[in-house]
Amino acid sequence: MHLTLRQLKVFESVARHLNYTRAAEELFLTQPAVSMQVKLLEESLGVALFEQLGKRVHLTEAGREVLGYARAVTQQLDELENVLNRLKGLGGGKLRISVATTANYFIPTLLGTFSRRYPGVTVSLDVTNRESLLQQLSDNTVDLVIMGQPPAELDAEADAFMENPLVIVAPPEHPLANRKKIPLKRLQDEVFLVREPGSGTRIAMERFFAEREMHVKTGMEVGSNEAIKQSVQAGLGLGLLSRATIEQELTLKRLVVLDVAEFPIMRHWYIVHRSGKRLSTVAQAFKTFMLKEARALIDGKTPSPSSSKRRRH
């Protein structure tokens, strides 16, 4: 049996995405190159690792077995890289982080500051939904995850680094736009645009109203914050969004925040990793940077030490 680490890495990416195109994009390869590496691995092992049913790719039984070993090998190599990075300090190394889509409104600013401070560090950033974040944490395929609600179902360490208030937004011409102290019950007369099931924002919204034994009407199910903002501006309903996502629309007076009793829903942004994970020097430096400086940098203030709330699951 003759196989290479490159083949295992390509196979693991295809197996994780169950999609050759996405794996090629992640690895900065062409799709034919990815297909060739998988084919060479299958020939070396003498078994088929994938099967295609219709347009969907599935792992074979042998593929599932190989995936477990491929991930074990990859994690061992990552640990070796982490040890060597510690020995080398922060002159180089790679940081792999994944962030919730909502966090993408502020994370580039923070990454810009971090990258200028440590120019030798290569950063790999994935902006994705909650389901994918949980899968990456479970598979231990990233160093750190930034999300609004730590996973209760995983053994993870989560540190809060910044407040994440959720507010109700409406178009400026909405009848409630200029009202003060709107009673919470009044919202039952309105229609809300909601994110997909499993979204952190939707979970927070449903929990908030359920705790108050309230039922609100939901209209369209929308797959992104941008789509919700556009739909609210078009008068299709109200939206519940993180304050971080609407600063531009508020400045341009395309949206307004409604003054509703018991709002905003106060949440936090968390930096998360698996409990017991051995962070590389680079990952530990980024975590420390986020906990100490993120809030001040986003607020445009001079960085100062901040206290963080820690949760273990």
C-alpha atoms as a PDB file:
ATOM      1  CA  MET A   1       0.000   0.000   0.000  1.00  0.00           C
ATOM      2  CA  HIS A   2       1.483   3.309  -1.112  1.00  0.00           C
ATOM      3  CA  LEU A   3      -0.284   6.559  -0.291  1.00  0.00           C
ATOM      4  CA  THR A   4       0.701  10.148   0.395  1.00  0.00           C
ATOM      5  CA  LEU A   5      -0.247  12.763   2.961  1.00  0.00           C
ATOM      6  CA  ARG A   6      -1.458  14.940   0.108  1.00  0.00           C
ATOM      7  CA  GLN A   7      -3.906  12.242  -0.968  1.00  0.00           C
ATOM      8  CA  LEU A   8      -5.217  11.878   2.584  1.00  0.00           C
ATOM      9  CA  LYS A   9      -5.638  15.644   2.930  1.00  0.00           C
ATOM     10  CA  VAL A  10      -7.543  15.883  -0.351  1.00  0.00           C
ATOM     11  CA  PHE A  11      -9.680  12.872   0.541  1.00  0.00           C
ATOM     12  CA  GLU A  12     -10.541  14.331   3.982  1.00  0.00           C
ATOM     13  CA  SER A  13     -11.654  17.594   2.402  1.00  0.00           C
ATOM     14  CA  VAL A  14     -13.870  15.858  -0.165  1.00  0.00           C
ATOM     15  CA  ALA A  15     -15.303  13.586   2.543  1.00  0.00           C
ATOM     16  CA  ARG A  16     -16.076  16.549   4.788  1.00  0.00           C
ATOM     17  CA  HIS A  17     -17.826  18.550   2.080  1.00  0.00           C
ATOM     18  CA  LEU A  18     -19.104  15.577   0.060  1.00  0.00           C
ATOM     19  CA  ASN A  19     -18.421  17.845  -2.856  1.00  0.00           C
ATOM     20  CA  TYR A  20     -15.378  17.910  -5.161  1.00  0.00           C
ATOM     21  CA  THR A  21     -15.841  21.554  -6.137  1.00  0.00           C
ATOM     22  CA  ARG A  22     -15.916  22.826  -2.554  1.00  0.00           C
ATOM     23  CA  ALA A  23     -12.895  20.722  -1.670  1.00  0.00           C
ATOM     24  CA  ALA A  24     -11.021  22.165  -4.654  1.00  0.00           C
ATOM     25  CA  GLU A  25     -11.863  25.708  -3.531  1.00  0.00           C
ATOM     26  CA  GLU A  26     -10.733  24.994   0.022  1.00  0.00           C
ATOM     27  CA  LEU A  27      -7.437  23.471  -1.112  1.00  0.00           C
ATOM     28  CA  PHE A  28      -6.811  26.010  -3.912  1.00  0.00           C
ATOM     29  CA  LEU A  29      -6.704  23.208  -6.479  1.00  0.00           C
ATOM     30  CA  THR A  30      -8.605  22.514  -9.671  1.00  0.00           C
ATOM     31  CA  GLN A  31     -11.440  20.003  -9.532  1.00  0.00           C
ATOM     32  CA  PRO A  32      -9.632  17.588 -11.912  1.00  0.00           C
ATOM     33  CA  ALA A  33      -6.587  17.685  -9.611  1.00  0.00           C
ATOM     34  CA  VAL A  34      -8.779  16.794  -6.616  1.00  0.00           C
ATOM     35  CA  SER A  35     -10.448  13.967  -8.531  1.00  0.00           C
ATOM     36  CA  MET A  36      -7.047  12.619  -9.595  1.00  0.00           C
ATOM     37  CA  GLN A  37      -5.734  12.557  -5.999  1.00  0.00           C
ATOM     38  CA  VAL A  38      -8.817  10.661  -4.812  1.00  0.00           C
ATOM     39  CA  LYS A  39      -8.511   8.223  -7.714  1.00  0.00           C
ATOM     40  CA  LEU A  40      -4.831   7.566  -6.913  1.00  0.00           C
ATOM     41  CA  LEU A  41      -5.720   6.938  -3.262  1.00  0.00           C
ATOM     42  CA  GLU A  42      -8.484   4.520  -4.235  1.00  0.00           C
ATOM     43  CA  GLU A  43      -6.095   2.658  -6.560  1.00  0.00           C
ATOM     44  CA  SER A  44      -3.482   2.457  -3.819  1.00  0.00           C
ATOM     45  CA  LEU A  45      -5.978   1.112  -1.282  1.00  0.00           C
ATOM     46  CA  GLY A  46      -7.794  -1.112  -3.758  1.00  0.00           C
ATOM     47  CA  VAL A  47     -11.258   0.063  -2.676  1.00  0.00           C
ATOM     48  CA  ALA A  48     -13.804   2.668  -3.731  1.00  0.00           C
ATOM     49  CA  LEU A  49     -14.059   5.498  -1.210  1.00  0.00           C
ATOM     50  CA  PHE A  50     -16.975   7.395  -2.752  1.00  0.00           C
ATOM     51  CA  GLU A  51     -20.074   6.557  -4.724  1.00  0.00           C
ATOM     52  CA  GLN A  52     -22.246   8.961  -6.653  1.00  0.00           C
ATOM     53  CA  LEU A  53     -26.023   8.579  -6.534  1.00  0.00           C
ATOM     54  CA  GLY A  54     -27.642  11.086  -8.830  1.00  0.00           C
ATOM     55  CA  LYS A  55     -25.876  14.389  -8.247  1.00  0.00           C
ATOM     56  CA  ARG A  56     -24.846  13.612  -4.672  1.00  0.00           C
ATOM     57  CA  VAL A  57     -21.571  12.133  -3.479  1.00  0.00           C
ATOM     58  CA  HIS A  58     -21.616   9.604  -0.621  1.00  0.00           C
ATOM     59  CA  LEU A  59     -18.903   7.840   1.362  1.00  0.00           C
ATOM     60  CA  THR A  60     -18.730   4.077   0.969  1.00  0.00           C
ATOM     61  CA  GLU A  61     -18.272   1.887   4.054  1.00  0.00           C
ATOM     62  CA  ALA A  62     -14.560   1.729   3.257  1.00  0.00           C
ATOM     63  CA  GLY A  63     -14.529   5.508   2.821  1.00  0.00           C
ATOM     64  CA  ARG A  64     -15.952   6.017   6.306  1.00  0.00           C
ATOM     65  CA  GLU A  65     -13.243   3.794   7.770  1.00  0.00           C
ATOM     66  CA  VAL A  66     -10.467   5.588   5.891  1.00  0.00           C
ATOM     67  CA  LEU A  67     -11.869   8.985   6.947  1.00  0.00           C
ATOM     68  CA  GLY A  68     -11.365   8.145  10.617  1.00  0.00           C
ATOM     69  CA  TYR A  69      -7.723   7.278  10.050  1.00  0.00           C
ATOM     70  CA  ALA A  70      -7.166  10.276   7.751  1.00  0.00           C
ATOM     71  CA  ARG A  71      -8.426  12.634  10.443  1.00  0.00           C
ATOM     72  CA  ALA A  72      -6.258  10.966  13.080  1.00  0.00           C
ATOM     73  CA  VAL A  73      -3.176  11.385  10.892  1.00  0.00           C
ATOM     74  CA  THR A  74      -4.088  15.009  10.115  1.00  0.00           C
ATOM     75  CA  GLN A  75      -4.570  15.849  13.784  1.00  0.00           C
ATOM     76  CA  GLN A  76      -1.231  14.289  14.680  1.00  0.00           C
ATOM     77  CA  LEU A  77       0.453  16.420  12.030  1.00  0.00           C
ATOM     78  CA  ASP A  78      -1.367  19.504  13.327  1.00  0.00           C
ATOM     79  CA  GLU A  79      -0.060  18.800  16.811  1.00  0.00           C
ATOM     80  CA  LEU A  80       3.446  18.467  15.409  1.00  0.00           C
ATOM     81  CA  GLU A  81       3.030  21.811  13.631  1.00  0.00           C
ATOM     82  CA  ASN A  82       1.782  23.396  16.864  1.00  0.00           C
ATOM     83  CA  VAL A  83       4.817  22.141  18.783  1.00  0.00           C
ATOM     84  CA  LEU A  84       7.176  23.460  16.123  1.00  0.00           C
ATOM     85  CA  ASN A  85       5.357  26.797  16.051  1.00  0.00           C
ATOM     86  CA  ARG A  86       5.873  27.111  19.786  1.00  0.00           C
ATOM     87  CA  LEU A  87       9.574  26.538  19.274  1.00  0.00           C
ATOM     88  CA  LYS A  88       9.686  29.085  16.456  1.00  0.00           C
ATOM     89  CA  GLY A  89       7.520  31.655  18.245  1.00  0.00           C
ATOM     90  CA  LEU A  90       5.145  33.863  16.255  1.00  0.00           C
ATOM     91  CA  GLY A  91       7.417  34.423  13.278  1.00  0.00           C
ATOM     92  CA  GLY A  92       5.182  32.149  11.222  1.00  0.00           C
ATOM     93  CA  GLY A  93       2.462  29.564  11.477  1.00  0.00           C
ATOM     94  CA  LYS A  94      -1.126  29.223  10.317  1.00  0.00           C
ATOM     95  CA  LEU A  95      -4.357  30.211  12.059  1.00  0.00           C
ATOM     96  CA  ARG A  96      -7.563  28.443  11.017  1.00  0.00           C
ATOM     97  CA  ILE A  97     -10.726  30.103  12.259  1.00  0.00           C
ATOM     98  CA  SER A  98     -14.389  29.812  11.359  1.00  0.00           C
ATOM     99  CA  VAL A  99     -16.957  32.474  12.189  1.00  0.00           C
ATOM    100  CA  ALA A 100     -20.721  32.760  12.137  1.00  0.00           C
ATOM    101  CA  THR A 101     -22.019  34.762   9.181  1.00  0.00           C
ATOM    102  CA  THR A 102     -23.107  37.615  11.466  1.00  0.00           C
ATOM    103  CA  ALA A 103     -19.581  37.948  12.879  1.00  0.00           C
ATOM    104  CA  ASN A 104     -18.268  38.732   9.404  1.00  0.00           C
ATOM    105  CA  TYR A 105     -19.442  42.316   9.923  1.00  0.00           C
ATOM    106  CA  PHE A 106     -16.664  42.962  12.442  1.00  0.00           C
ATOM    107  CA  ILE A 107     -14.113  40.134  12.193  1.00  0.00           C
ATOM    108  CA  PRO A 108     -12.185  41.613   9.190  1.00  0.00           C
ATOM    109  CA  THR A 109     -11.348  44.686  11.284  1.00  0.00           C
ATOM    110  CA  LEU A 110      -9.929  42.510  14.059  1.00  0.00           C
ATOM    111  CA  LEU A 111      -8.063  40.210  11.688  1.00  0.00           C
ATOM    112  CA  GLY A 112      -6.540  43.242  10.001  1.00  0.00           C
ATOM    113  CA  THR A 113      -5.094  44.464  13.299  1.00  0.00           C
ATOM    114  CA  PHE A 114      -3.879  40.984  14.263  1.00  0.00           C
ATOM    115  CA  SER A 115      -2.265  40.387  10.854  1.00  0.00           C
ATOM    116  CA  ARG A 116      -0.420  43.706  10.957  1.00  0.00           C
ATOM    117  CA  ARG A 117       0.895  42.780  14.383  1.00  0.00           C
ATOM    118  CA  TYR A 118       1.979  39.300  13.258  1.00  0.00           C
ATOM    119  CA  PRO A 119       2.707  39.623   9.515  1.00  0.00           C
ATOM    120  CA  GLY A 120       4.268  36.158   9.279  1.00  0.00           C
ATOM    121  CA  VAL A 121       1.038  34.398  10.284  1.00  0.00           C
ATOM    122  CA  THR A 122      -1.169  32.938   7.547  1.00  0.00           C
ATOM    123  CA  VAL A 123      -4.881  33.163   8.354  1.00  0.00           C
ATOM    124  CA  SER A 124      -7.499  30.808   6.918  1.00  0.00           C
ATOM    125  CA  LEU A 125     -11.010  32.223   7.459  1.00  0.00           C
ATOM    126  CA  ASP A 126     -14.279  30.384   6.857  1.00  0.00           C
ATOM    127  CA  VAL A 127     -17.548  32.325   7.174  1.00  0.00           C
ATOM    128  CA  THR A 128     -20.405  29.866   7.528  1.00  0.00           C
ATOM    129  CA  ASN A 129     -23.648  28.956   9.274  1.00  0.00           C
ATOM    130  CA  ARG A 130     -24.096  27.504  12.747  1.00  0.00           C
ATOM    131  CA  GLU A 131     -24.560  23.934  11.544  1.00  0.00           C
ATOM    132  CA  SER A 132     -21.209  24.004   9.794  1.00  0.00           C
ATOM    133  CA  LEU A 133     -19.504  25.619  12.794  1.00  0.00           C
ATOM    134  CA  LEU A 134     -20.732  22.834  15.058  1.00  0.00           C
ATOM    135  CA  GLN A 135     -19.523  20.205  12.592  1.00  0.00           C
ATOM    136  CA  GLN A 136     -16.082  21.791  12.399  1.00  0.00           C
ATOM    137  CA  LEU A 137     -15.850  21.895  16.191  1.00  0.00           C
ATOM    138  CA  SER A 138     -16.944  18.266  16.389  1.00  0.00           C
ATOM    139  CA  ASP A 139     -14.405  17.200  13.760  1.00  0.00           C
ATOM    140  CA  ASN A 140     -11.696  19.413  15.294  1.00  0.00           C
ATOM    141  CA  THR A 141     -10.806  20.779  11.850  1.00  0.00           C
ATOM    142  CA  VAL A 142     -10.303  24.422  12.915  1.00  0.00           C
ATOM    143  CA  ASP A 143      -8.316  26.120  15.661  1.00  0.00           C
ATOM    144  CA  LEU A 144     -10.995  28.514  16.879  1.00  0.00           C
ATOM    145  CA  VAL A 145     -14.636  29.316  16.198  1.00  0.00           C
ATOM    146  CA  ILE A 146     -16.400  32.633  16.746  1.00  0.00           C
ATOM    147  CA  MET A 147     -20.122  32.317  17.376  1.00  0.00           C
ATOM    148  CA  GLY A 148     -23.009  33.857  19.290  1.00  0.00           C
ATOM    149  CA  GLN A 149     -24.193  30.796  21.196  1.00  0.00           C
ATOM    150  CA  PRO A 150     -21.736  28.159  22.427  1.00  0.00           C
ATOM    151  CA  PRO A 151     -22.768  24.557  21.745  1.00  0.00           C
ATOM    152  CA  ALA A 152     -24.373  22.798  24.695  1.00  0.00           C
ATOM    153  CA  GLU A 153     -24.023  19.465  22.890  1.00  0.00           C
ATOM    154  CA  LEU A 154     -20.213  19.535  22.675  1.00  0.00           C
ATOM    155  CA  ASP A 155     -17.485  19.553  25.307  1.00  0.00           C
ATOM    156  CA  ALA A 156     -16.164  22.996  24.453  1.00  0.00           C
ATOM    157  CA  GLU A 157     -14.493  25.942  26.113  1.00  0.00           C
ATOM    158  CA  ALA A 158     -16.156  29.262  25.293  1.00  0.00           C
ATOM    159  CA  ASP A 159     -14.986  32.733  26.348  1.00  0.00           C
ATOM    160  CA  ALA A 160     -17.116  35.838  25.858  1.00  0.00           C
ATOM    161  CA  PHE A 161     -15.227  38.764  24.354  1.00  0.00           C
ATOM    162  CA  MET A 162     -17.924  41.247  23.297  1.00  0.00           C
ATOM    163  CA  GLU A 163     -21.611  41.991  23.754  1.00  0.00           C
ATOM    164  CA  ASN A 164     -23.949  41.027  20.923  1.00  0.00           C
ATOM    165  CA  PRO A 165     -27.305  42.791  21.390  1.00  0.00           C
ATOM    166  CA  LEU A 166     -30.199  41.610  19.219  1.00  0.00           C
ATOM    167  CA  VAL A 167     -32.592  44.363  18.166  1.00  0.00           C
ATOM    168  CA  ILE A 168     -35.856  44.602  16.253  1.00  0.00           C
ATOM    169  CA  VAL A 169     -35.561  46.543  13.009  1.00  0.00           C
ATOM    170  CA  ALA A 170     -38.197  48.114  10.776  1.00  0.00           C
ATOM    171  CA  PRO A 171     -38.287  50.456   7.767  1.00  0.00           C
ATOM    172  CA  PRO A 172     -38.309  54.164   8.723  1.00  0.00           C
ATOM    173  CA  GLU A 173     -41.909  54.566   7.528  1.00  0.00           C
ATOM    174  CA  HIS A 174     -43.274  51.777   9.745  1.00  0.00           C
ATOM    175  CA  PRO A 175     -46.102  52.881  12.118  1.00  0.00           C
ATOM    176  CA  LEU A 176     -44.018  51.845  15.142  1.00  0.00           C
ATOM    177  CA  ALA A 177     -40.834  53.584  13.997  1.00  0.00           C
ATOM    178  CA  ASN A 178     -41.285  56.731  16.120  1.00  0.00           C
ATOM    179  CA  ARG A 179     -43.056  55.201  19.104  1.00  0.00           C
ATOM    180  CA  LYS A 180     -41.409  54.989  22.509  1.00  0.00           C
ATOM    181  CA  LYS A 181     -41.565  52.041  24.906  1.00  0.00           C
ATOM    182  CA  ILE A 182     -43.636  49.827  22.639  1.00  0.00           C
ATOM    183  CA  PRO A 183     -45.360  47.104  24.725  1.00  0.00           C
ATOM    184  CA  LEU A 184     -44.009  43.646  24.028  1.00  0.00           C
ATOM    185  CA  LYS A 185     -47.517  42.297  23.357  1.00  0.00           C
ATOM    186  CA  ARG A 186     -47.841  44.734  20.448  1.00  0.00           C
ATOM    187  CA  LEU A 187     -45.390  42.608  18.486  1.00  0.00           C
ATOM    188  CA  GLN A 188     -47.992  39.867  18.174  1.00  0.00           C
ATOM    189  CA  ASP A 189     -49.719  42.060  15.576  1.00  0.00           C
ATOM    190  CA  GLU A 190     -46.613  42.120  13.387  1.00  0.00           C
ATOM    191  CA  VAL A 191     -45.003  39.649  10.980  1.00  0.00           C
ATOM    192  CA  PHE A 192     -41.352  38.674  11.521  1.00  0.00           C
ATOM    193  CA  LEU A 193     -38.874  37.581   8.885  1.00  0.00           C
ATOM    194  CA  VAL A 194     -36.758  34.731  10.290  1.00  0.00           C
ATOM    195  CA  ARG A 195     -33.495  32.952   9.574  1.00  0.00           C
ATOM    196  CA  GLU A 196     -33.304  29.237   8.797  1.00  0.00           C
ATOM    197  CA  PRO A 197     -33.952  26.665  11.569  1.00  0.00           C
ATOM    198  CA  GLY A 198     -30.846  26.178  13.689  1.00  0.00           C
ATOM    199  CA  SER A 199     -29.635  29.748  13.248  1.00  0.00           C
ATOM    200  CA  GLY A 200     -28.357  31.240  16.502  1.00  0.00           C
ATOM    201  CA  THR A 201     -30.473  34.364  16.025  1.00  0.00           C
ATOM    202  CA  ARG A 202     -33.614  32.341  15.400  1.00  0.00           C
ATOM    203  CA  ILE A 203     -32.943  30.126  18.429  1.00  0.00           C
ATOM    204  CA  ALA A 204     -32.574  33.232  20.611  1.00  0.00           C
ATOM    205  CA  MET A 205     -35.774  34.744  19.205  1.00  0.00           C
ATOM    206  CA  GLU A 206     -37.862  31.607  19.696  1.00  0.00           C
ATOM    207  CA  ARG A 207     -36.536  31.118  23.225  1.00  0.00           C
ATOM    208  CA  PHE A 208     -37.222  34.763  24.157  1.00  0.00           C
ATOM    209  CA  PHE A 209     -40.879  34.675  23.114  1.00  0.00           C
ATOM    210  CA  ALA A 210     -41.476  31.137  24.414  1.00  0.00           C
ATOM    211  CA  GLU A 211     -40.260  32.166  27.879  1.00  0.00           C
ATOM    212  CA  ARG A 212     -42.881  34.924  27.831  1.00  0.00           C
ATOM    213  CA  GLU A 213     -45.573  32.598  26.477  1.00  0.00           C
ATOM    214  CA  MET A 214     -45.919  34.753  23.389  1.00  0.00           C
ATOM    215  CA  HIS A 215     -46.547  33.691  19.828  1.00  0.00           C
ATOM    216  CA  VAL A 216     -45.411  35.932  16.989  1.00  0.00           C
ATOM    217  CA  LYS A 217     -46.311  35.517  13.361  1.00  0.00           C
ATOM    218  CA  THR A 218     -43.470  34.583  11.028  1.00  0.00           C
ATOM    219  CA  GLY A 219     -43.408  35.340   7.341  1.00  0.00           C
ATOM    220  CA  MET A 220     -40.609  34.428   4.968  1.00  0.00           C
ATOM    221  CA  GLU A 221     -37.736  32.219   6.046  1.00  0.00           C
ATOM    222  CA  VAL A 222     -34.604  34.011   4.850  1.00  0.00           C
ATOM    223  CA  GLY A 223     -31.148  32.495   4.569  1.00  0.00           C
ATOM    224  CA  SER A 224     -28.930  35.501   5.324  1.00  0.00           C
ATOM    225  CA  ASN A 225     -28.799  38.719   7.319  1.00  0.00           C
ATOM    226  CA  GLU A 226     -28.432  40.747   4.121  1.00  0.00           C
ATOM    227  CA  ALA A 227     -31.607  39.226   2.725  1.00  0.00           C
ATOM    228  CA  ILE A 228     -33.472  39.994   5.953  1.00  0.00           C
ATOM    229  CA  LYS A 229     -32.329  43.618   5.838  1.00  0.00           C
ATOM    230  CA  GLN A 230     -33.420  43.998   2.221  1.00  0.00           C
ATOM    231  CA  SER A 231     -36.767  42.362   2.953  1.00  0.00           C
ATOM    232  CA  VAL A 232     -37.411  44.593   5.966  1.00  0.00           C
ATOM    233  CA  GLN A 233     -36.580  47.666   3.890  1.00  0.00           C
ATOM    234  CA  ALA A 234     -39.103  46.432   1.318  1.00  0.00           C
ATOM    235  CA  GLY A 235     -41.815  46.355   3.999  1.00  0.00           C
ATOM    236  CA  LEU A 236     -42.220  42.567   4.121  1.00  0.00           C
ATOM    237  CA  GLY A 237     -42.014  42.399   7.900  1.00  0.00           C
ATOM    238  CA  LEU A 238     -39.898  43.128  10.960  1.00  0.00           C
ATOM    239  CA  GLY A 239     -36.510  41.561  11.576  1.00  0.00           C
ATOM    240  CA  LEU A 240     -34.505  40.514  14.625  1.00  0.00           C
ATOM    241  CA  LEU A 241     -30.837  41.142  13.940  1.00  0.00           C
ATOM    242  CA  SER A 242     -27.536  41.599  15.696  1.00  0.00           C
ATOM    243  CA  ARG A 243     -26.797  45.290  16.146  1.00  0.00           C
ATOM    244  CA  ALA A 244     -23.397  44.665  14.542  1.00  0.00           C
ATOM    245  CA  THR A 245     -25.034  43.910  11.187  1.00  0.00           C
ATOM    246  CA  ILE A 246     -27.031  47.128  10.737  1.00  0.00           C
ATOM    247  CA  GLU A 247     -24.698  50.052  11.470  1.00  0.00           C
ATOM    248  CA  GLN A 248     -24.535  51.111   7.820  1.00  0.00           C
ATOM    249  CA  GLU A 249     -28.311  50.905   7.328  1.00  0.00           C
ATOM    250  CA  LEU A 250     -28.896  52.974  10.452  1.00  0.00           C
ATOM    251  CA  THR A 251     -26.429  55.636   9.292  1.00  0.00           C
ATOM    252  CA  LEU A 252     -28.105  55.793   5.870  1.00  0.00           C
ATOM    253  CA  LYS A 253     -31.545  55.785   7.547  1.00  0.00           C
ATOM    254  CA  ARG A 254     -32.692  52.733   5.641  1.00  0.00           C
ATOM    255  CA  LEU A 255     -33.643  50.948   8.851  1.00  0.00           C
ATOM    256  CA  VAL A 256     -34.599  51.958  12.377  1.00  0.00           C
ATOM    257  CA  VAL A 257     -34.348  50.106  15.680  1.00  0.00           C
ATOM    258  CA  LEU A 258     -37.710  49.847  17.415  1.00  0.00           C
ATOM    259  CA  ASP A 259     -37.917  50.899  21.056  1.00  0.00           C
ATOM    260  CA  VAL A 260     -39.595  47.755  22.415  1.00  0.00           C
ATOM    261  CA  ALA A 261     -39.942  46.802  26.079  1.00  0.00           C
ATOM    262  CA  GLU A 262     -37.391  44.181  27.219  1.00  0.00           C
ATOM    263  CA  PHE A 263     -35.234  44.746  24.154  1.00  0.00           C
ATOM    264  CA  PRO A 264     -32.494  44.416  23.129  1.00  0.00           C
ATOM    265  CA  ILE A 265     -31.941  40.722  23.830  1.00  0.00           C
ATOM    266  CA  MET A 266     -28.465  40.849  25.300  1.00  0.00           C
ATOM    267  CA  ARG A 267     -26.154  38.092  24.147  1.00  0.00           C
ATOM    268  CA  HIS A 268     -22.383  37.815  23.736  1.00  0.00           C
ATOM    269  CA  TRP A 269     -19.871  36.833  21.108  1.00  0.00           C
ATOM    270  CA  TYR A 270     -17.748  33.849  22.096  1.00  0.00           C
ATOM    271  CA  ILE A 271     -14.435  32.449  20.972  1.00  0.00           C
ATOM    272  CA  VAL A 272     -14.742  28.663  21.173  1.00  0.00           C
ATOM    273  CA  HIS A 273     -12.580  25.560  20.896  1.00  0.00           C
ATOM    274  CA  ARG A 274     -12.835  21.959  22.012  1.00  0.00           C
ATOM    275  CA  SER A 275     -12.052  21.396  25.682  1.00  0.00           C
ATOM    276  CA  GLY A 276      -8.548  20.041  26.149  1.00  0.00           C
ATOM    277  CA  LYS A 277      -7.433  21.171  22.689  1.00  0.00           C
ATOM    278  CA  ARG A 278      -3.752  22.063  22.569  1.00  0.00           C
ATOM    279  CA  LEU A 279      -3.729  25.509  20.983  1.00  0.00           C
ATOM    280  CA  SER A 280      -0.789  26.488  18.830  1.00  0.00           C
ATOM    281  CA  THR A 281       1.208  29.582  19.740  1.00  0.00           C
ATOM    282  CA  VAL A 282      -0.573  31.457  16.970  1.00  0.00           C
ATOM    283  CA  ALA A 283      -4.058  30.325  18.049  1.00  0.00           C
ATOM    284  CA  GLN A 284      -3.345  31.179  21.695  1.00  0.00           C
ATOM    285  CA  ALA A 285      -2.068  34.606  20.666  1.00  0.00           C
ATOM    286  CA  PHE A 286      -5.230  35.261  18.654  1.00  0.00           C
ATOM    287  CA  LYS A 287      -7.470  34.099  21.506  1.00  0.00           C
ATOM    288  CA  THR A 288      -5.666  36.397  23.948  1.00  0.00           C
ATOM    289  CA  PHE A 289      -5.907  39.255  21.454  1.00  0.00           C
ATOM    290  CA  MET A 290      -9.664  38.760  21.088  1.00  0.00           C
ATOM    291  CA  LEU A 291     -10.317  38.584  24.825  1.00  0.00           C
ATOM    292  CA  LYS A 292      -8.230  41.638  25.670  1.00  0.00           C
ATOM    293  CA  GLU A 293      -8.681  43.965  22.719  1.00  0.00           C
ATOM    294  CA  ALA A 294     -11.625  43.040  20.460  1.00  0.00           C
ATOM    295  CA  ARG A 295     -14.292  45.116  22.163  1.00  0.00           C
ATOM    296  CA  ALA A 296     -12.118  48.215  22.451  1.00  0.00           C
ATOM    297  CA  LEU A 297     -11.028  48.002  18.809  1.00  0.00           C
ATOM    298  CA  ILE A 298     -14.600  47.634  17.545  1.00  0.00           C
ATOM    299  CA  ASP A 299     -15.740  50.518  19.748  1.00  0.00           C
ATOM    300  CA  GLY A 300     -12.881  52.611  18.427  1.00  0.00           C
ATOM    301  CA  LYS A 301     -11.331  53.037  21.863  1.00  0.00           C
ATOM    302  CA  THR A 302      -7.869  52.467  23.232  1.00  0.00           C
ATOM    303  CA  PRO A 303      -7.453  48.765  23.995  1.00  0.00           C
ATOM    304  CA  SER A 304      -7.589  47.894  27.654  1.00  0.00           C
ATOM    305  CA  PRO A 305      -7.716  44.631  29.580  1.00  0.00           C
ATOM    306  CA  SER A 306     -11.240  43.223  29.745  1.00  0.00           C
ATOM    307  CA  SER A 307     -12.846  40.615  31.913  1.00  0.00           C
ATOM    308  CA  SER A 308     -14.405  37.681  30.071  1.00  0.00           C
ATOM    309  CA  LYS A 309     -17.146  35.262  30.902  1.00  0.00           C
ATOM    310  CA  ARG A 310     -16.116  31.660  30.528  1.00  0.00           C
ATOM    311  CA  ARG A 311     -18.437  28.783  29.906  1.00  0.00           C
ATOM    312  CA  ARG A 312     -17.583  25.106  29.740  1.00  0.00           C
ATOM    313  CA  HIS A 313     -19.876  22.555  28.144  1.00  0.00           C
END
